[in-house]
Amino acid sequence: PAFASLVASRLKPGGLFRLATDWVPYAEHMREVLDAAPEFEGGPVPR
């Protein structure tokens, strides 16, 4: 959560945070953290 907040502070409004992982448990963790971050909206996308 603290890292997500730091990233948001360095992005311009409308800026994108792109992530990728090939470890399913980490993908679930990423989504849990970022879905809960009030600064962001989004989710899984095609490559």
All heavy atoms as atom14 arrays in JSON, in Angstrom:
{
  "sequence": "PAFASLVASRLKPGGLFRLATDWVPYAEHMREVLDAAPEFEGGPVPR",
  "atom14_mask": [
    [1, 1, 1, 1, 1, 1, 1, 0, 0, 0, 0, 0, 0, 0],
    [1, 1, 1, 1, 1, 0, 0, 0, 0, 0, 0, 0, 0, 0],
    [1, 1, 1, 1, 1, 1, 1, 1, 1, 1, 1, 0, 0, 0],
    [1, 1, 1, 1, 1, 0, 0, 0, 0, 0, 0, 0, 0, 0],
    [1, 1, 1, 1, 1, 1, 0, 0, 0, 0, 0, 0, 0, 0],
    [1, 1, 1, 1, 1, 1, 1, 1, 0, 0, 0, 0, 0, 0],
    [1, 1, 1, 1, 1, 1, 1, 0, 0, 0, 0, 0, 0, 0],
    [1, 1, 1, 1, 1, 0, 0, 0, 0, 0, 0, 0, 0, 0],
    [1, 1, 1, 1, 1, 1, 0, 0, 0, 0, 0, 0, 0, 0],
    [1, 1, 1, 1, 1, 1, 1, 1, 1, 1, 1, 0, 0, 0],
    [1, 1, 1, 1, 1, 1, 1, 1, 0, 0, 0, 0, 0, 0],
    [1, 1, 1, 1, 1, 1, 1, 1, 1, 0, 0, 0, 0, 0],
    [1, 1, 1, 1, 1, 1, 1, 0, 0, 0, 0, 0, 0, 0],
    [1, 1, 1, 1, 0, 0, 0, 0, 0, 0, 0, 0, 0, 0],
    [1, 1, 1, 1, 0, 0, 0, 0, 0, 0, 0, 0, 0, 0],
    [1, 1, 1, 1, 1, 1, 1, 1, 0, 0, 0, 0, 0, 0],
    [1, 1, 1, 1, 1, 1, 1, 1, 1, 1, 1, 0, 0, 0],
    [1, 1, 1, 1, 1, 1, 1, 1, 1, 1, 1, 0, 0, 0],
    [1, 1, 1, 1, 1, 1, 1, 1, 0, 0, 0, 0, 0, 0],
    [1, 1, 1, 1, 1, 0, 0, 0, 0, 0, 0, 0, 0, 0],
    [1, 1, 1, 1, 1, 1, 1, 0, 0, 0, 0, 0, 0, 0],
    [1, 1, 1, 1, 1, 1, 1, 1, 0, 0, 0, 0, 0, 0],
    [1, 1, 1, 1, 1, 1, 1, 1, 1, 1, 1, 1, 1, 1],
    [1, 1, 1, 1, 1, 1, 1, 0, 0, 0, 0, 0, 0, 0],
    [1, 1, 1, 1, 1, 1, 1, 0, 0, 0, 0, 0, 0, 0],
    [1, 1, 1, 1, 1, 1, 1, 1, 1, 1, 1, 1, 0, 0],
    [1, 1, 1, 1, 1, 0, 0, 0, 0, 0, 0, 0, 0, 0],
    [1, 1, 1, 1, 1, 1, 1, 1, 1, 0, 0, 0, 0, 0],
    [1, 1, 1, 1, 1, 1, 1, 1, 1, 1, 0, 0, 0, 0],
    [1, 1, 1, 1, 1, 1, 1, 1, 0, 0, 0, 0, 0, 0],
    [1, 1, 1, 1, 1, 1, 1, 1, 1, 1, 1, 0, 0, 0],
    [1, 1, 1, 1, 1, 1, 1, 1, 1, 0, 0, 0, 0, 0],
    [1, 1, 1, 1, 1, 1, 1, 0, 0, 0, 0, 0, 0, 0],
    [1, 1, 1, 1, 1, 1, 1, 1, 0, 0, 0, 0, 0, 0],
    [1, 1, 1, 1, 1, 1, 1, 1, 0, 0, 0, 0, 0, 0],
    [1, 1, 1, 1, 1, 0, 0, 0, 0, 0, 0, 0, 0, 0],
    [1, 1, 1, 1, 1, 0, 0, 0, 0, 0, 0, 0, 0, 0],
    [1, 1, 1, 1, 1, 1, 1, 0, 0, 0, 0, 0, 0, 0],
    [1, 1, 1, 1, 1, 1, 1, 1, 1, 0, 0, 0, 0, 0],
    [1, 1, 1, 1, 1, 1, 1, 1, 1, 1, 1, 0, 0, 0],
    [1, 1, 1, 1, 1, 1, 1, 1, 1, 0, 0, 0, 0, 0],
    [1, 1, 1, 1, 0, 0, 0, 0, 0, 0, 0, 0, 0, 0],
    [1, 1, 1, 1, 0, 0, 0, 0, 0, 0, 0, 0, 0, 0],
    [1, 1, 1, 1, 1, 1, 1, 0, 0, 0, 0, 0, 0, 0],
    [1, 1, 1, 1, 1, 1, 1, 0, 0, 0, 0, 0, 0, 0],
    [1, 1, 1, 1, 1, 1, 1, 0, 0, 0, 0, 0, 0, 0],
    [1, 1, 1, 1, 1, 1, 1, 1, 1, 1, 1, 0, 0, 0]
  ],
  "atom14_positions": [
    [[0.8, -1.23, 0.0], [0.0, 0.0, 0.0], [0.83, 1.28, 0.0], [0.51, 2.23, -0.73], [-0.84, -0.14, 1.28], [-1.01, -1.63, 1.43], [0.31, -2.21, 1.0], [0.0, 0.0, 0.0], [0.0, 0.0, 0.0], [0.0, 0.0, 0.0], [0.0, 0.0, 0.0], [0.0, 0.0, 0.0], [0.0, 0.0, 0.0], [0.0, 0.0, 0.0]],
    [[1.9, 1.34, 0.79], [2.71, 2.55, 0.84], [3.4, 2.81, -0.5], [3.54, 3.95, -0.95], [3.74, 2.46, 1.96], [0.0, 0.0, 0.0], [0.0, 0.0, 0.0], [0.0, 0.0, 0.0], [0.0, 0.0, 0.0], [0.0, 0.0, 0.0], [0.0, 0.0, 0.0], [0.0, 0.0, 0.0], [0.0, 0.0, 0.0], [0.0, 0.0, 0.0]],
    [[3.83, 1.73, -1.16], [4.46, 1.88, -2.47], [3.45, 2.38, -3.5], [3.77, 3.25, -4.33], [5.07, 0.55, -2.92], [5.66, 0.59, -4.29], [6.86, 1.25, -4.53], [5.03, -0.04, -5.35], [7.42, 1.28, -5.8], [5.58, -0.01, -6.63], [6.77, 0.66, -6.85], [0.0, 0.0, 0.0], [0.0, 0.0, 0.0], [0.0, 0.0, 0.0]],
    [[2.23, 1.85, -3.47], [1.2, 2.3, -4.4], [0.95, 3.79, -4.23], [0.78, 4.53, -5.21], [-0.08, 1.51, -4.19], [0.0, 0.0, 0.0], [0.0, 0.0, 0.0], [0.0, 0.0, 0.0], [0.0, 0.0, 0.0], [0.0, 0.0, 0.0], [0.0, 0.0, 0.0], [0.0, 0.0, 0.0], [0.0, 0.0, 0.0], [0.0, 0.0, 0.0]],
    [[0.92, 4.26, -2.99], [0.72, 5.67, -2.73], [1.88, 6.51, -3.25], [1.69, 7.6, -3.8], [0.54, 5.89, -1.22], [0.26, 7.24, -0.93], [0.0, 0.0, 0.0], [0.0, 0.0, 0.0], [0.0, 0.0, 0.0], [0.0, 0.0, 0.0], [0.0, 0.0, 0.0], [0.0, 0.0, 0.0], [0.0, 0.0, 0.0], [0.0, 0.0, 0.0]],
    [[3.11, 6.0, -3.09], [4.28, 6.7, -3.61], [4.22, 6.81, -5.13], [4.48, 7.87, -5.71], [5.56, 5.98, -3.18], [6.88, 6.52, -3.75], [7.12, 7.96, -3.29], [8.04, 5.62, -3.35], [0.0, 0.0, 0.0], [0.0, 0.0, 0.0], [0.0, 0.0, 0.0], [0.0, 0.0, 0.0], [0.0, 0.0, 0.0], [0.0, 0.0, 0.0]],
    [[3.9, 5.7, -5.79], [3.78, 5.72, -7.25], [2.74, 6.74, -7.68], [2.97, 7.55, -8.6], [3.4, 4.31, -7.78], [3.03, 4.38, -9.26], [4.55, 3.34, -7.57], [0.0, 0.0, 0.0], [0.0, 0.0, 0.0], [0.0, 0.0, 0.0], [0.0, 0.0, 0.0], [0.0, 0.0, 0.0], [0.0, 0.0, 0.0], [0.0, 0.0, 0.0]],
    [[1.59, 6.74, -7.03], [0.52, 7.68, -7.39], [1.0, 9.12, -7.26], [0.66, 9.98, -8.08], [-0.7, 7.45, -6.52], [0.0, 0.0, 0.0], [0.0, 0.0, 0.0], [0.0, 0.0, 0.0], [0.0, 0.0, 0.0], [0.0, 0.0, 0.0], [0.0, 0.0, 0.0], [0.0, 0.0, 0.0], [0.0, 0.0, 0.0], [0.0, 0.0, 0.0]],
    [[1.81, 9.4, -6.24], [2.27, 10.77, -6.02], [3.22, 11.24, -7.1], [3.35, 12.45, -7.34], [2.95, 10.87, -4.65], [4.25, 10.28, -4.67], [0.0, 0.0, 0.0], [0.0, 0.0, 0.0], [0.0, 0.0, 0.0], [0.0, 0.0, 0.0], [0.0, 0.0, 0.0], [0.0, 0.0, 0.0], [0.0, 0.0, 0.0], [0.0, 0.0, 0.0]],
    [[3.9, 10.33, -7.78], [4.86, 10.7, -8.82], [4.23, 10.68, -10.22], [4.84, 11.19, -11.16], [6.07, 9.78, -8.78], [6.9, 9.9, -7.48], [7.23, 11.36, -7.19], [8.1, 11.55, -6.04], [7.71, 12.01, -4.86], [6.41, 12.28, -4.64], [8.57, 12.2, -3.89], [0.0, 0.0, 0.0], [0.0, 0.0, 0.0], [0.0, 0.0, 0.0]],
    [[3.04, 10.11, -10.36], [2.34, 10.12, -11.64], [1.49, 11.37, -11.76], [0.91, 11.86, -10.79], [1.43, 8.9, -11.76], [2.08, 7.55, -12.03], [1.05, 6.43, -11.9], [2.71, 7.52, -13.42], [0.0, 0.0, 0.0], [0.0, 0.0, 0.0], [0.0, 0.0, 0.0], [0.0, 0.0, 0.0], [0.0, 0.0, 0.0], [0.0, 0.0, 0.0]],
    [[1.4, 11.88, -12.98], [0.47, 12.96, -13.26], [-0.96, 12.43, -13.17], [-1.18, 11.22, -13.34], [0.72, 13.52, -14.66], [2.11, 14.11, -14.86], [2.31, 14.51, -16.3], [3.73, 15.04, -16.52], [3.98, 15.39, -17.94], [0.0, 0.0, 0.0], [0.0, 0.0, 0.0], [0.0, 0.0, 0.0], [0.0, 0.0, 0.0], [0.0, 0.0, 0.0]],
    [[-1.95, 13.27, -12.92], [-3.34, 12.8, -12.99], [-3.61, 12.17, -14.35], [-3.25, 12.73, -15.39], [-4.14, 14.09, -12.79], [-3.24, 14.97, -11.98], [-1.85, 14.68, -12.49], [0.0, 0.0, 0.0], [0.0, 0.0, 0.0], [0.0, 0.0, 0.0], [0.0, 0.0, 0.0], [0.0, 0.0, 0.0], [0.0, 0.0, 0.0], [0.0, 0.0, 0.0]],
    [[-4.18, 10.99, -14.35], [-4.39, 10.25, -15.58], [-3.21, 9.38, -15.99], [-3.3, 8.62, -16.96], [0.0, 0.0, 0.0], [0.0, 0.0, 0.0], [0.0, 0.0, 0.0], [0.0, 0.0, 0.0], [0.0, 0.0, 0.0], [0.0, 0.0, 0.0], [0.0, 0.0, 0.0], [0.0, 0.0, 0.0], [0.0, 0.0, 0.0], [0.0, 0.0, 0.0]],
    [[-2.09, 9.49, -15.27], [-0.92, 8.67, -15.58], [-1.18, 7.2, -15.33], [-2.04, 6.82, -14.53], [0.0, 0.0, 0.0], [0.0, 0.0, 0.0], [0.0, 0.0, 0.0], [0.0, 0.0, 0.0], [0.0, 0.0, 0.0], [0.0, 0.0, 0.0], [0.0, 0.0, 0.0], [0.0, 0.0, 0.0], [0.0, 0.0, 0.0], [0.0, 0.0, 0.0]],
    [[-0.41, 6.35, -16.0], [-0.64, 4.9, -15.97], [0.43, 4.18, -15.14], [1.62, 4.48, -15.24], [-0.64, 4.33, -17.38], [-1.68, 4.91, -18.34], [-1.55, 4.22, -19.7], [-3.09, 4.76, -17.79], [0.0, 0.0, 0.0], [0.0, 0.0, 0.0], [0.0, 0.0, 0.0], [0.0, 0.0, 0.0], [0.0, 0.0, 0.0], [0.0, 0.0, 0.0]],
    [[-0.03, 3.21, -14.38], [0.84, 2.29, -13.65], [0.63, 0.92, -14.25], [-0.44, 0.32, -14.11], [0.49, 2.3, -12.17], [1.37, 1.45, -11.28], [2.62, 1.02, -11.69], [0.95, 1.11, -10.0], [3.44, 0.26, -10.88], [1.76, 0.33, -9.17], [2.99, -0.09, -9.61], [0.0, 0.0, 0.0], [0.0, 0.0, 0.0], [0.0, 0.0, 0.0]],
    [[1.62, 0.42, -15.0], [1.53, -0.88, -15.67], [2.37, -1.91, -14.91], [3.51, -1.64, -14.54], [2.02, -0.79, -17.11], [1.16, 0.1, -18.01], [1.57, -0.04, -19.46], [0.79, 0.81, -20.34], [-0.4, 0.48, -20.85], [-0.94, -0.69, -20.54], [-1.03, 1.31, -21.64], [0.0, 0.0, 0.0], [0.0, 0.0, 0.0], [0.0, 0.0, 0.0]],
    [[1.79, -3.08, -14.72], [2.47, -4.15, -14.0], [2.29, -5.47, -14.76], [1.31, -5.64, -15.5], [1.91, -4.33, -12.58], [1.82, -3.12, -11.68], [0.43, -2.47, -11.79], [2.07, -3.5, -10.22], [0.0, 0.0, 0.0], [0.0, 0.0, 0.0], [0.0, 0.0, 0.0], [0.0, 0.0, 0.0], [0.0, 0.0, 0.0], [0.0, 0.0, 0.0]],
    [[3.21, -6.39, -14.52], [3.08, -7.74, -15.05], [3.79, -8.71, -14.12], [4.83, -8.37, -13.53], [3.66, -7.85, -16.47], [0.0, 0.0, 0.0], [0.0, 0.0, 0.0], [0.0, 0.0, 0.0], [0.0, 0.0, 0.0], [0.0, 0.0, 0.0], [0.0, 0.0, 0.0], [0.0, 0.0, 0.0], [0.0, 0.0, 0.0], [0.0, 0.0, 0.0]],
    [[3.23, -9.9, -13.98], [3.86, -10.95, -13.19], [3.43, -12.3, -13.74], [2.33, -12.44, -14.29], [3.48, -10.85, -11.71], [4.14, -11.9, -10.98], [1.99, -10.97, -11.49], [0.0, 0.0, 0.0], [0.0, 0.0, 0.0], [0.0, 0.0, 0.0], [0.0, 0.0, 0.0], [0.0, 0.0, 0.0], [0.0, 0.0, 0.0], [0.0, 0.0, 0.0]],
    [[4.32, -13.29, -13.62], [3.96, -14.64, -14.05], [3.8, -15.57, -12.85], [3.87, -16.79, -12.98], [5.0, -15.22, -15.03], [6.36, -15.43, -14.41], [6.58, -14.95, -13.27], [7.22, -16.07, -15.05], [0.0, 0.0, 0.0], [0.0, 0.0, 0.0], [0.0, 0.0, 0.0], [0.0, 0.0, 0.0], [0.0, 0.0, 0.0], [0.0, 0.0, 0.0]],
    [[3.56, -14.97, -11.68], [3.34, -15.75, -10.46], [1.93, -15.43, -9.99], [1.67, -14.32, -9.52], [4.39, -15.4, -9.41], [4.34, -16.25, -8.18], [3.92, -15.88, -6.93], [4.72, -17.62, -8.06], [4.02, -16.93, -6.05], [4.5, -18.02, -6.72], [5.22, -18.56, -8.98], [4.77, -19.31, -6.27], [5.48, -19.83, -8.52], [5.26, -20.2, -7.18]],
    [[1.01, -16.38, -10.13], [-0.41, -16.12, -9.87], [-0.66, -15.57, -8.47], [-1.43, -14.61, -8.32], [-1.25, -17.39, -10.14], [-2.69, -17.19, -9.7], [-1.2, -17.73, -11.63], [0.0, 0.0, 0.0], [0.0, 0.0, 0.0], [0.0, 0.0, 0.0], [0.0, 0.0, 0.0], [0.0, 0.0, 0.0], [0.0, 0.0, 0.0], [0.0, 0.0, 0.0]],
    [[-0.05, -16.12, -7.41], [-0.31, -15.53, -6.08], [0.12, -14.07, -5.98], [-0.51, -13.28, -5.28], [0.51, -16.42, -5.14], [0.61, -17.74, -5.85], [0.74, -17.37, -7.3], [0.0, 0.0, 0.0], [0.0, 0.0, 0.0], [0.0, 0.0, 0.0], [0.0, 0.0, 0.0], [0.0, 0.0, 0.0], [0.0, 0.0, 0.0], [0.0, 0.0, 0.0]],
    [[1.19, -13.7, -6.7], [1.61, -12.3, -6.67], [0.62, -11.43, -7.47], [0.35, -10.29, -7.1], [3.02, -12.15, -7.21], [3.73, -10.87, -6.8], [3.18, -9.98, -5.88], [4.97, -10.55, -7.34], [3.85, -8.82, -5.5], [5.65, -9.4, -6.97], [5.07, -8.54, -6.05], [5.74, -7.39, -5.69], [0.0, 0.0, 0.0], [0.0, 0.0, 0.0]],
    [[0.1, -11.97, -8.57], [-0.92, -11.24, -9.32], [-2.12, -10.94, -8.44], [-2.68, -9.84, -8.46], [-1.33, -12.04, -10.55], [0.0, 0.0, 0.0], [0.0, 0.0, 0.0], [0.0, 0.0, 0.0], [0.0, 0.0, 0.0], [0.0, 0.0, 0.0], [0.0, 0.0, 0.0], [0.0, 0.0, 0.0], [0.0, 0.0, 0.0], [0.0, 0.0, 0.0]],
    [[-2.52, -11.92, -7.65], [-3.65, -11.72, -6.73], [-3.31, -10.66, -5.69], [-4.16, -9.82, -5.34], [-4.0, -13.04, -6.06], [-4.52, -14.09, -7.04], [-4.62, -15.48, -6.43], [-4.08, -15.67, -5.3], [-5.2, -16.37, -7.07], [0.0, 0.0, 0.0], [0.0, 0.0, 0.0], [0.0, 0.0, 0.0], [0.0, 0.0, 0.0], [0.0, 0.0, 0.0]],
    [[-2.07, -10.68, -5.21], [-1.63, -9.68, -4.23], [-1.62, -8.28, -4.86], [-2.09, -7.31, -4.25], [-0.23, -10.04, -3.73], [0.42, -9.01, -2.88], [0.15, -8.87, -1.53], [1.32, -8.02, -3.18], [0.85, -7.87, -1.04], [1.58, -7.34, -2.02], [0.0, 0.0, 0.0], [0.0, 0.0, 0.0], [0.0, 0.0, 0.0], [0.0, 0.0, 0.0]],
    [[-1.07, -8.17, -6.07], [-1.05, -6.88, -6.76], [-2.45, -6.3, -6.9], [-2.69, -5.12, -6.61], [-0.42, -7.03, -8.15], [1.07, -7.25, -8.18], [1.64, -7.51, -9.89], [3.42, -7.47, -9.66], [0.0, 0.0, 0.0], [0.0, 0.0, 0.0], [0.0, 0.0, 0.0], [0.0, 0.0, 0.0], [0.0, 0.0, 0.0], [0.0, 0.0, 0.0]],
    [[-3.36, -7.15, -7.33], [-4.73, -6.67, -7.55], [-5.38, -6.25, -6.24], [-6.07, -5.22, -6.18], [-5.55, -7.75, -8.24], [-6.93, -7.26, -8.65], [-7.64, -8.23, -9.55], [-8.85, -7.62, -10.1], [-9.67, -8.24, -10.94], [-9.41, -9.48, -11.34], [-10.75, -7.61, -11.4], [0.0, 0.0, 0.0], [0.0, 0.0, 0.0], [0.0, 0.0, 0.0]],
    [[-5.15, -7.0, -5.19], [-5.72, -6.66, -3.9], [-5.21, -5.29, -3.43], [-5.99, -4.45, -2.97], [-5.36, -7.73, -2.88], [-5.88, -7.46, -1.47], [-5.48, -8.53, -0.48], [-4.98, -9.59, -0.91], [-5.67, -8.31, 0.74], [0.0, 0.0, 0.0], [0.0, 0.0, 0.0], [0.0, 0.0, 0.0], [0.0, 0.0, 0.0], [0.0, 0.0, 0.0]],
    [[-3.9, -5.07, -3.56], [-3.3, -3.81, -3.1], [-3.82, -2.64, -3.93], [-4.23, -1.6, -3.4], [-1.76, -3.88, -3.16], [-1.15, -2.49, -2.96], [-1.24, -4.84, -2.1], [0.0, 0.0, 0.0], [0.0, 0.0, 0.0], [0.0, 0.0, 0.0], [0.0, 0.0, 0.0], [0.0, 0.0, 0.0], [0.0, 0.0, 0.0], [0.0, 0.0, 0.0]],
    [[-3.8, -2.78, -5.26], [-4.13, -1.64, -6.11], [-5.63, -1.39, -6.21], [-6.05, -0.24, -6.36], [-3.51, -1.86, -7.49], [-1.98, -1.76, -7.44], [-1.36, -2.29, -8.72], [-1.54, -0.33, -7.2], [0.0, 0.0, 0.0], [0.0, 0.0, 0.0], [0.0, 0.0, 0.0], [0.0, 0.0, 0.0], [0.0, 0.0, 0.0], [0.0, 0.0, 0.0]],
    [[-6.43, -2.43, -6.11], [-7.88, -2.2, -6.07], [-8.28, -1.42, -4.83], [-9.28, -0.68, -4.83], [-8.64, -3.53, -6.11], [-8.7, -4.14, -7.51], [-8.19, -3.51, -8.46], [-9.25, -5.26, -7.64], [0.0, 0.0, 0.0], [0.0, 0.0, 0.0], [0.0, 0.0, 0.0], [0.0, 0.0, 0.0], [0.0, 0.0, 0.0], [0.0, 0.0, 0.0]],
    [[-7.51, -1.59, -3.75], [-7.81, -0.9, -2.5], [-7.21, 0.5, -2.44], [-7.54, 1.27, -1.54], [-7.31, -1.73, -1.32], [0.0, 0.0, 0.0], [0.0, 0.0, 0.0], [0.0, 0.0, 0.0], [0.0, 0.0, 0.0], [0.0, 0.0, 0.0], [0.0, 0.0, 0.0], [0.0, 0.0, 0.0], [0.0, 0.0, 0.0], [0.0, 0.0, 0.0]],
    [[-6.33, 0.84, -3.4], [-5.67, 2.15, -3.39], [-6.63, 3.21, -3.9], [-7.07, 3.14, -5.06], [-4.41, 2.12, -4.24], [0.0, 0.0, 0.0], [0.0, 0.0, 0.0], [0.0, 0.0, 0.0], [0.0, 0.0, 0.0], [0.0, 0.0, 0.0], [0.0, 0.0, 0.0], [0.0, 0.0, 0.0], [0.0, 0.0, 0.0], [0.0, 0.0, 0.0]],
    [[-6.96, 4.21, -3.11], [-7.94, 5.21, -3.55], [-7.46, 6.07, -4.7], [-8.27, 6.68, -5.4], [-8.17, 6.05, -2.29], [-6.93, 5.88, -1.48], [-6.48, 4.47, -1.74], [0.0, 0.0, 0.0], [0.0, 0.0, 0.0], [0.0, 0.0, 0.0], [0.0, 0.0, 0.0], [0.0, 0.0, 0.0], [0.0, 0.0, 0.0], [0.0, 0.0, 0.0]],
    [[-6.14, 6.08, -4.95], [-5.6, 6.93, -6.01], [-5.75, 6.31, -7.4], [-5.51, 6.99, -8.41], [-4.11, 7.22, -5.78], [-3.78, 7.82, -4.42], [-3.37, 6.77, -3.4], [-3.78, 5.59, -3.56], [-2.65, 7.13, -2.44], [0.0, 0.0, 0.0], [0.0, 0.0, 0.0], [0.0, 0.0, 0.0], [0.0, 0.0, 0.0], [0.0, 0.0, 0.0]],
    [[-6.1, 5.0, -7.46], [-6.07, 4.29, -8.73], [-7.41, 3.68, -9.1], [-8.23, 3.35, -8.23], [-5.03, 3.17, -8.69], [-3.61, 3.64, -8.75], [-2.79, 3.56, -7.62], [-3.07, 4.16, -9.92], [-1.47, 3.99, -7.67], [-1.75, 4.59, -9.97], [-0.95, 4.5, -8.84], [0.0, 0.0, 0.0], [0.0, 0.0, 0.0], [0.0, 0.0, 0.0]],
    [[-7.59, 3.48, -10.41], [-8.68, 2.68, -10.94], [-8.12, 1.84, -12.09], [-7.24, 2.29, -12.82], [-9.83, 3.56, -11.43], [-9.44, 4.55, -12.52], [-10.59, 5.47, -12.9], [-11.68, 5.31, -12.31], [-10.39, 6.33, -13.79], [0.0, 0.0, 0.0], [0.0, 0.0, 0.0], [0.0, 0.0, 0.0], [0.0, 0.0, 0.0], [0.0, 0.0, 0.0]],
    [[-8.59, 0.61, -12.22], [-8.08, -0.25, -13.29], [-8.17, -1.7, -12.91], [-8.98, -2.1, -12.06], [0.0, 0.0, 0.0], [0.0, 0.0, 0.0], [0.0, 0.0, 0.0], [0.0, 0.0, 0.0], [0.0, 0.0, 0.0], [0.0, 0.0, 0.0], [0.0, 0.0, 0.0], [0.0, 0.0, 0.0], [0.0, 0.0, 0.0], [0.0, 0.0, 0.0]],
    [[-7.33, -2.52, -13.55], [-7.36, -3.96, -13.3], [-6.59, -4.71, -14.36], [-5.75, -4.13, -15.08], [0.0, 0.0, 0.0], [0.0, 0.0, 0.0], [0.0, 0.0, 0.0], [0.0, 0.0, 0.0], [0.0, 0.0, 0.0], [0.0, 0.0, 0.0], [0.0, 0.0, 0.0], [0.0, 0.0, 0.0], [0.0, 0.0, 0.0], [0.0, 0.0, 0.0]],
    [[-6.87, -6.02, -14.53], [-6.16, -6.83, -15.52], [-6.47, -6.36, -16.94], [-7.58, -5.91, -17.23], [-6.7, -8.24, -15.28], [-7.28, -8.2, -13.9], [-7.79, -6.82, -13.7], [0.0, 0.0, 0.0], [0.0, 0.0, 0.0], [0.0, 0.0, 0.0], [0.0, 0.0, 0.0], [0.0, 0.0, 0.0], [0.0, 0.0, 0.0], [0.0, 0.0, 0.0]],
    [[-5.47, -6.47, -17.82], [-5.62, -6.08, -19.22], [-4.86, -7.08, -20.08], [-3.99, -7.81, -19.59], [-5.07, -4.66, -19.48], [-5.87, -3.61, -18.73], [-3.59, -4.57, -19.11], [0.0, 0.0, 0.0], [0.0, 0.0, 0.0], [0.0, 0.0, 0.0], [0.0, 0.0, 0.0], [0.0, 0.0, 0.0], [0.0, 0.0, 0.0], [0.0, 0.0, 0.0]],
    [[-5.15, -7.14, -21.39], [-4.32, -7.95, -22.29], [-2.9, -7.39, -22.35], [-2.67, -6.21, -22.05], [-5.02, -7.79, -23.65], [-6.41, -7.34, -23.34], [-6.29, -6.52, -22.08], [0.0, 0.0, 0.0], [0.0, 0.0, 0.0], [0.0, 0.0, 0.0], [0.0, 0.0, 0.0], [0.0, 0.0, 0.0], [0.0, 0.0, 0.0], [0.0, 0.0, 0.0]],
    [[-1.96, -8.23, -22.74], [-0.59, -7.76, -22.85], [-0.51, -6.6, -23.84], [-0.94, -6.72, -24.98], [0.33, -8.89, -23.34], [1.8, -8.46, -23.5], [2.68, -9.62, -23.94], [2.34, -10.08, -25.27], [2.82, -9.55, -26.4], [3.66, -8.52, -26.35], [2.47, -10.02, -27.58], [0.0, 0.0, 0.0], [0.0, 0.0, 0.0], [0.0, 0.0, 0.0]]
  ]
}
